[in-house]
Amino acid sequence: MKAAKGNKEYAIDESKQKAYLDSGFDIIGDGGNIIAYGRGKTVAYGDYMALKEELEELKTGSGENADDQDVIDILKVFVHEKGIDLGKAATVPGIVKKIKEFKPEGGA
């Protein structure tokens, strides 16, 4: 497996995985898939606002029609990419609340 951050990539074993995660490195398996995202990632405010606007359009019905499961799937992909822990949140309001509460380590 590898630890990657920016243009740095290191070959590691499982015993070093947590230390690299804590340092913000993503852990990549031997097949090239991301096993875990490093801590300290931030969500750009523009991305957050775009997602919030899209969600509001979907709630009010002015956007394209999508059922709740589609919205939940989209939100789950977003939070996974940004390294946000959902905990037990499984509804649209619950996931949005987790996004709003997200405070990246060492971030703004």
N, C-alpha and C. Protein backbone atom coordinates (compact mmCIF):
# COMPACT_ATOMS: atom_id res chain seq x y z
N MET A 1 0.84 -1.18 0.00
CA MET A 1 0.00 0.00 0.00
C MET A 1 0.88 1.23 0.00
N LYS A 2 0.27 2.35 -0.35
CA LYS A 2 1.02 3.60 -0.45
C LYS A 2 0.32 4.69 0.36
N ALA A 3 1.08 5.68 0.77
CA ALA A 3 0.56 6.90 1.38
C ALA A 3 0.87 8.03 0.42
N ALA A 4 -0.15 8.81 0.05
CA ALA A 4 0.04 9.87 -0.93
C ALA A 4 -0.53 11.19 -0.41
N LYS A 5 0.23 12.25 -0.66
CA LYS A 5 -0.22 13.60 -0.31
C LYS A 5 0.49 14.56 -1.25
N GLY A 6 -0.28 15.29 -2.04
CA GLY A 6 0.33 16.20 -3.01
C GLY A 6 1.16 15.41 -3.99
N ASN A 7 2.42 15.78 -4.15
CA ASN A 7 3.30 15.06 -5.07
C ASN A 7 4.18 14.05 -4.34
N LYS A 8 3.88 13.75 -3.08
CA LYS A 8 4.65 12.79 -2.29
C LYS A 8 3.90 11.46 -2.25
N GLU A 9 4.65 10.38 -2.43
CA GLU A 9 4.07 9.05 -2.36
C GLU A 9 5.08 8.11 -1.71
N TYR A 10 4.64 7.41 -0.65
CA TYR A 10 5.53 6.51 0.08
C TYR A 10 4.93 5.12 0.14
N ALA A 11 5.76 4.10 -0.01
CA ALA A 11 5.33 2.72 0.19
C ALA A 11 5.34 2.47 1.70
N ILE A 12 4.21 2.00 2.24
CA ILE A 12 4.10 1.77 3.68
C ILE A 12 3.47 0.41 3.95
N ASP A 13 3.53 0.00 5.21
CA ASP A 13 2.79 -1.20 5.61
C ASP A 13 1.67 -0.76 6.56
N GLU A 14 0.82 -1.72 6.96
CA GLU A 14 -0.35 -1.38 7.77
C GLU A 14 0.01 -0.74 9.11
N SER A 15 1.17 -1.07 9.66
CA SER A 15 1.55 -0.52 10.96
C SER A 15 1.77 0.99 10.92
N LYS A 16 2.06 1.55 9.75
CA LYS A 16 2.31 2.99 9.62
C LYS A 16 1.10 3.75 9.07
N GLN A 17 0.03 3.02 8.77
CA GLN A 17 -1.14 3.64 8.14
C GLN A 17 -1.72 4.76 8.99
N LYS A 18 -1.96 4.55 10.28
CA LYS A 18 -2.57 5.57 11.13
C LYS A 18 -1.71 6.84 11.21
N ALA A 19 -0.41 6.66 11.34
CA ALA A 19 0.48 7.83 11.43
C ALA A 19 0.40 8.68 10.16
N TYR A 20 0.37 8.02 9.01
CA TYR A 20 0.28 8.77 7.76
C TYR A 20 -1.11 9.41 7.60
N LEU A 21 -2.16 8.71 8.01
CA LEU A 21 -3.50 9.30 7.97
C LEU A 21 -3.56 10.56 8.82
N ASP A 22 -3.00 10.47 10.02
CA ASP A 22 -3.00 11.63 10.93
C ASP A 22 -2.22 12.80 10.36
N SER A 23 -1.26 12.51 9.48
CA SER A 23 -0.46 13.56 8.84
C SER A 23 -1.11 14.09 7.57
N GLY A 24 -2.29 13.58 7.23
CA GLY A 24 -3.01 14.09 6.07
C GLY A 24 -2.80 13.32 4.79
N PHE A 25 -2.12 12.20 4.85
CA PHE A 25 -1.89 11.39 3.66
C PHE A 25 -3.10 10.50 3.38
N ASP A 26 -3.43 10.31 2.10
CA ASP A 26 -4.43 9.33 1.70
C ASP A 26 -3.73 7.98 1.61
N ILE A 27 -4.43 6.92 1.97
CA ILE A 27 -3.87 5.57 1.89
C ILE A 27 -4.45 4.89 0.65
N ILE A 28 -3.56 4.42 -0.21
CA ILE A 28 -3.95 3.81 -1.48
C ILE A 28 -3.54 2.34 -1.46
N GLY A 29 -4.52 1.47 -1.76
CA GLY A 29 -4.26 0.03 -1.77
C GLY A 29 -3.41 -0.38 -2.96
N ASP A 30 -2.99 -1.64 -2.95
CA ASP A 30 -2.15 -2.15 -4.02
C ASP A 30 -2.86 -2.13 -5.37
N GLY A 31 -4.19 -2.19 -5.38
CA GLY A 31 -4.95 -2.13 -6.62
C GLY A 31 -5.19 -0.71 -7.13
N GLY A 32 -4.71 0.29 -6.38
CA GLY A 32 -4.86 1.68 -6.81
C GLY A 32 -6.09 2.37 -6.24
N ASN A 33 -6.92 1.66 -5.46
CA ASN A 33 -8.11 2.27 -4.89
C ASN A 33 -7.78 2.93 -3.55
N ILE A 34 -8.47 4.00 -3.24
CA ILE A 34 -8.22 4.73 -2.00
C ILE A 34 -8.89 3.97 -0.86
N ILE A 35 -8.08 3.59 0.12
CA ILE A 35 -8.57 2.86 1.28
C ILE A 35 -9.10 3.83 2.33
N ALA A 36 -8.37 4.92 2.55
CA ALA A 36 -8.77 5.91 3.56
C ALA A 36 -8.23 7.27 3.15
N TYR A 37 -8.99 8.30 3.51
CA TYR A 37 -8.58 9.67 3.22
C TYR A 37 -7.89 10.27 4.45
N GLY A 38 -6.85 11.05 4.21
CA GLY A 38 -6.10 11.67 5.30
C GLY A 38 -6.92 12.71 6.04
N ARG A 39 -6.55 12.92 7.28
CA ARG A 39 -7.25 13.91 8.10
C ARG A 39 -6.80 15.32 7.73
N GLY A 40 -7.64 16.29 8.10
CA GLY A 40 -7.26 17.68 7.90
C GLY A 40 -7.67 18.25 6.56
N LYS A 41 -8.48 17.53 5.80
CA LYS A 41 -8.93 18.03 4.51
C LYS A 41 -10.01 19.08 4.75
N THR A 42 -10.10 20.02 3.84
CA THR A 42 -11.10 21.07 3.98
C THR A 42 -12.09 21.01 2.84
N VAL A 43 -13.25 21.57 3.09
CA VAL A 43 -14.26 21.71 2.05
C VAL A 43 -14.23 23.17 1.63
N ALA A 44 -13.96 23.42 0.38
CA ALA A 44 -13.93 24.79 -0.11
C ALA A 44 -15.32 25.41 0.06
N TYR A 45 -15.36 26.66 0.49
CA TYR A 45 -16.64 27.32 0.73
C TYR A 45 -17.49 27.36 -0.53
N GLY A 46 -16.87 27.55 -1.68
CA GLY A 46 -17.62 27.56 -2.95
C GLY A 46 -18.30 26.22 -3.22
N ASP A 47 -17.59 25.12 -2.92
CA ASP A 47 -18.18 23.79 -3.07
C ASP A 47 -19.36 23.61 -2.13
N TYR A 48 -19.19 24.04 -0.88
CA TYR A 48 -20.25 23.93 0.11
C TYR A 48 -21.48 24.72 -0.34
N MET A 49 -21.28 25.96 -0.78
CA MET A 49 -22.42 26.79 -1.19
C MET A 49 -23.11 26.23 -2.43
N ALA A 50 -22.33 25.70 -3.38
CA ALA A 50 -22.94 25.10 -4.57
C ALA A 50 -23.80 23.91 -4.18
N LEU A 51 -23.30 23.09 -3.28
CA LEU A 51 -24.06 21.94 -2.82
C LEU A 51 -25.30 22.37 -2.05
N LYS A 52 -25.15 23.40 -1.22
CA LYS A 52 -26.29 23.90 -0.45
C LYS A 52 -27.37 24.45 -1.38
N GLU A 53 -26.97 25.22 -2.40
CA GLU A 53 -27.95 25.74 -3.36
C GLU A 53 -28.65 24.62 -4.10
N GLU A 54 -27.89 23.60 -4.51
CA GLU A 54 -28.48 22.47 -5.21
C GLU A 54 -29.49 21.75 -4.31
N LEU A 55 -29.13 21.59 -3.05
CA LEU A 55 -30.03 20.94 -2.10
C LEU A 55 -31.30 21.76 -1.91
N GLU A 56 -31.17 23.07 -1.77
CA GLU A 56 -32.34 23.92 -1.61
C GLU A 56 -33.26 23.83 -2.83
N GLU A 57 -32.68 23.80 -4.03
CA GLU A 57 -33.49 23.66 -5.25
C GLU A 57 -34.25 22.34 -5.23
N LEU A 58 -33.58 21.29 -4.79
CA LEU A 58 -34.24 19.99 -4.74
C LEU A 58 -35.34 19.97 -3.69
N LYS A 59 -35.11 20.64 -2.56
CA LYS A 59 -36.13 20.68 -1.51
C LYS A 59 -37.37 21.45 -1.95
N THR A 60 -37.17 22.56 -2.66
CA THR A 60 -38.29 23.38 -3.08
C THR A 60 -38.93 22.88 -4.36
N GLY A 61 -38.29 21.95 -5.04
CA GLY A 61 -38.86 21.40 -6.26
C GLY A 61 -38.53 22.20 -7.50
N SER A 62 -37.71 23.25 -7.37
CA SER A 62 -37.39 24.06 -8.54
C SER A 62 -36.27 23.46 -9.37
N GLY A 63 -35.55 22.51 -8.80
CA GLY A 63 -34.48 21.85 -9.54
C GLY A 63 -35.01 20.63 -10.27
N GLU A 64 -34.11 19.84 -10.83
CA GLU A 64 -34.52 18.62 -11.49
C GLU A 64 -35.12 17.68 -10.45
N ASN A 65 -36.07 16.86 -10.88
CA ASN A 65 -36.68 15.90 -9.98
C ASN A 65 -35.69 14.79 -9.63
N ALA A 66 -35.54 14.57 -8.34
CA ALA A 66 -34.69 13.49 -7.87
C ALA A 66 -35.29 13.00 -6.56
N ASP A 67 -35.30 11.69 -6.37
CA ASP A 67 -35.85 11.21 -5.11
C ASP A 67 -34.80 11.33 -4.02
N ASP A 68 -35.24 11.15 -2.78
CA ASP A 68 -34.33 11.33 -1.65
C ASP A 68 -33.12 10.43 -1.72
N GLN A 69 -33.27 9.21 -2.20
CA GLN A 69 -32.13 8.30 -2.25
C GLN A 69 -31.05 8.81 -3.19
N ASP A 70 -31.45 9.43 -4.31
CA ASP A 70 -30.47 10.01 -5.23
C ASP A 70 -29.69 11.13 -4.54
N VAL A 71 -30.40 11.97 -3.80
CA VAL A 71 -29.76 13.08 -3.09
C VAL A 71 -28.82 12.54 -2.03
N ILE A 72 -29.26 11.53 -1.29
CA ILE A 72 -28.43 10.93 -0.25
C ILE A 72 -27.17 10.34 -0.88
N ASP A 73 -27.31 9.65 -2.01
CA ASP A 73 -26.14 9.06 -2.68
C ASP A 73 -25.15 10.14 -3.11
N ILE A 74 -25.66 11.24 -3.65
CA ILE A 74 -24.80 12.35 -4.08
C ILE A 74 -24.08 12.95 -2.87
N LEU A 75 -24.81 13.17 -1.79
CA LEU A 75 -24.20 13.74 -0.59
C LEU A 75 -23.15 12.80 -0.01
N LYS A 76 -23.43 11.50 -0.01
CA LYS A 76 -22.45 10.54 0.52
C LYS A 76 -21.17 10.54 -0.29
N VAL A 77 -21.27 10.66 -1.59
CA VAL A 77 -20.07 10.73 -2.44
C VAL A 77 -19.30 12.00 -2.10
N PHE A 78 -20.01 13.11 -1.95
CA PHE A 78 -19.37 14.39 -1.63
C PHE A 78 -18.61 14.31 -0.31
N VAL A 79 -19.27 13.81 0.75
CA VAL A 79 -18.61 13.77 2.05
C VAL A 79 -17.46 12.78 2.06
N HIS A 80 -17.59 11.71 1.30
CA HIS A 80 -16.48 10.74 1.20
C HIS A 80 -15.26 11.38 0.54
N GLU A 81 -15.49 12.13 -0.54
CA GLU A 81 -14.40 12.81 -1.23
C GLU A 81 -13.73 13.85 -0.34
N LYS A 82 -14.50 14.46 0.53
CA LYS A 82 -13.96 15.52 1.38
C LYS A 82 -13.47 15.00 2.73
N GLY A 83 -13.65 13.69 2.98
CA GLY A 83 -13.16 13.11 4.22
C GLY A 83 -13.97 13.48 5.45
N ILE A 84 -15.26 13.70 5.28
CA ILE A 84 -16.13 14.07 6.39
C ILE A 84 -16.75 12.80 6.97
N ASP A 85 -16.70 12.65 8.29
CA ASP A 85 -17.27 11.48 8.95
C ASP A 85 -18.77 11.70 9.13
N LEU A 86 -19.57 10.79 8.56
CA LEU A 86 -21.03 10.90 8.66
C LEU A 86 -21.58 10.35 9.96
N GLY A 87 -20.81 9.55 10.66
CA GLY A 87 -21.34 8.91 11.86
C GLY A 87 -22.52 8.04 11.47
N LYS A 88 -23.68 8.25 12.11
CA LYS A 88 -24.87 7.46 11.80
C LYS A 88 -25.86 8.22 10.92
N ALA A 89 -25.47 9.38 10.41
CA ALA A 89 -26.37 10.19 9.58
C ALA A 89 -26.75 9.42 8.32
N ALA A 90 -28.05 9.31 8.05
CA ALA A 90 -28.51 8.55 6.89
C ALA A 90 -29.62 9.28 6.14
N THR A 91 -29.99 10.47 6.60
CA THR A 91 -31.02 11.25 5.92
C THR A 91 -30.40 12.51 5.35
N VAL A 92 -31.12 13.14 4.42
CA VAL A 92 -30.61 14.37 3.81
C VAL A 92 -30.33 15.43 4.88
N PRO A 93 -31.28 15.72 5.78
CA PRO A 93 -30.98 16.74 6.80
C PRO A 93 -29.82 16.34 7.71
N GLY A 94 -29.71 15.05 8.04
CA GLY A 94 -28.63 14.59 8.90
C GLY A 94 -27.27 14.75 8.24
N ILE A 95 -27.18 14.42 6.95
CA ILE A 95 -25.92 14.53 6.23
C ILE A 95 -25.54 16.00 6.05
N VAL A 96 -26.51 16.83 5.72
CA VAL A 96 -26.24 18.27 5.56
C VAL A 96 -25.76 18.86 6.88
N LYS A 97 -26.35 18.42 7.99
CA LYS A 97 -25.92 18.90 9.30
C LYS A 97 -24.46 18.54 9.55
N LYS A 98 -24.05 17.31 9.20
CA LYS A 98 -22.66 16.88 9.37
C LYS A 98 -21.72 17.74 8.51
N ILE A 99 -22.16 18.08 7.29
CA ILE A 99 -21.33 18.92 6.41
C ILE A 99 -21.16 20.31 7.04
N LYS A 100 -22.26 20.86 7.57
CA LYS A 100 -22.18 22.19 8.19
C LYS A 100 -21.31 22.19 9.44
N GLU A 101 -21.35 21.08 10.19
CA GLU A 101 -20.58 20.99 11.44
C GLU A 101 -19.12 20.68 11.20
N PHE A 102 -18.74 20.29 9.99
CA PHE A 102 -17.38 19.84 9.71
C PHE A 102 -16.39 20.96 9.95
N LYS A 103 -15.44 20.68 10.81
CA LYS A 103 -14.35 21.63 11.11
C LYS A 103 -13.05 20.89 10.83
N PRO A 104 -12.39 21.19 9.73
CA PRO A 104 -11.14 20.50 9.41
C PRO A 104 -10.07 20.83 10.46
N GLU A 105 -9.25 19.83 10.74
CA GLU A 105 -8.15 20.03 11.69
C GLU A 105 -7.16 21.02 11.09
N GLY A 106 -6.84 22.04 11.84
CA GLY A 106 -5.86 23.03 11.39
C GLY A 106 -6.37 23.93 10.28
N GLY A 107 -7.66 23.83 9.98
CA GLY A 107 -8.22 24.64 8.89
C GLY A 107 -8.80 25.93 9.37
N ALA A 108 -9.40 26.66 8.41
CA ALA A 108 -9.97 27.96 8.73
C ALA A 108 -11.31 27.85 9.38
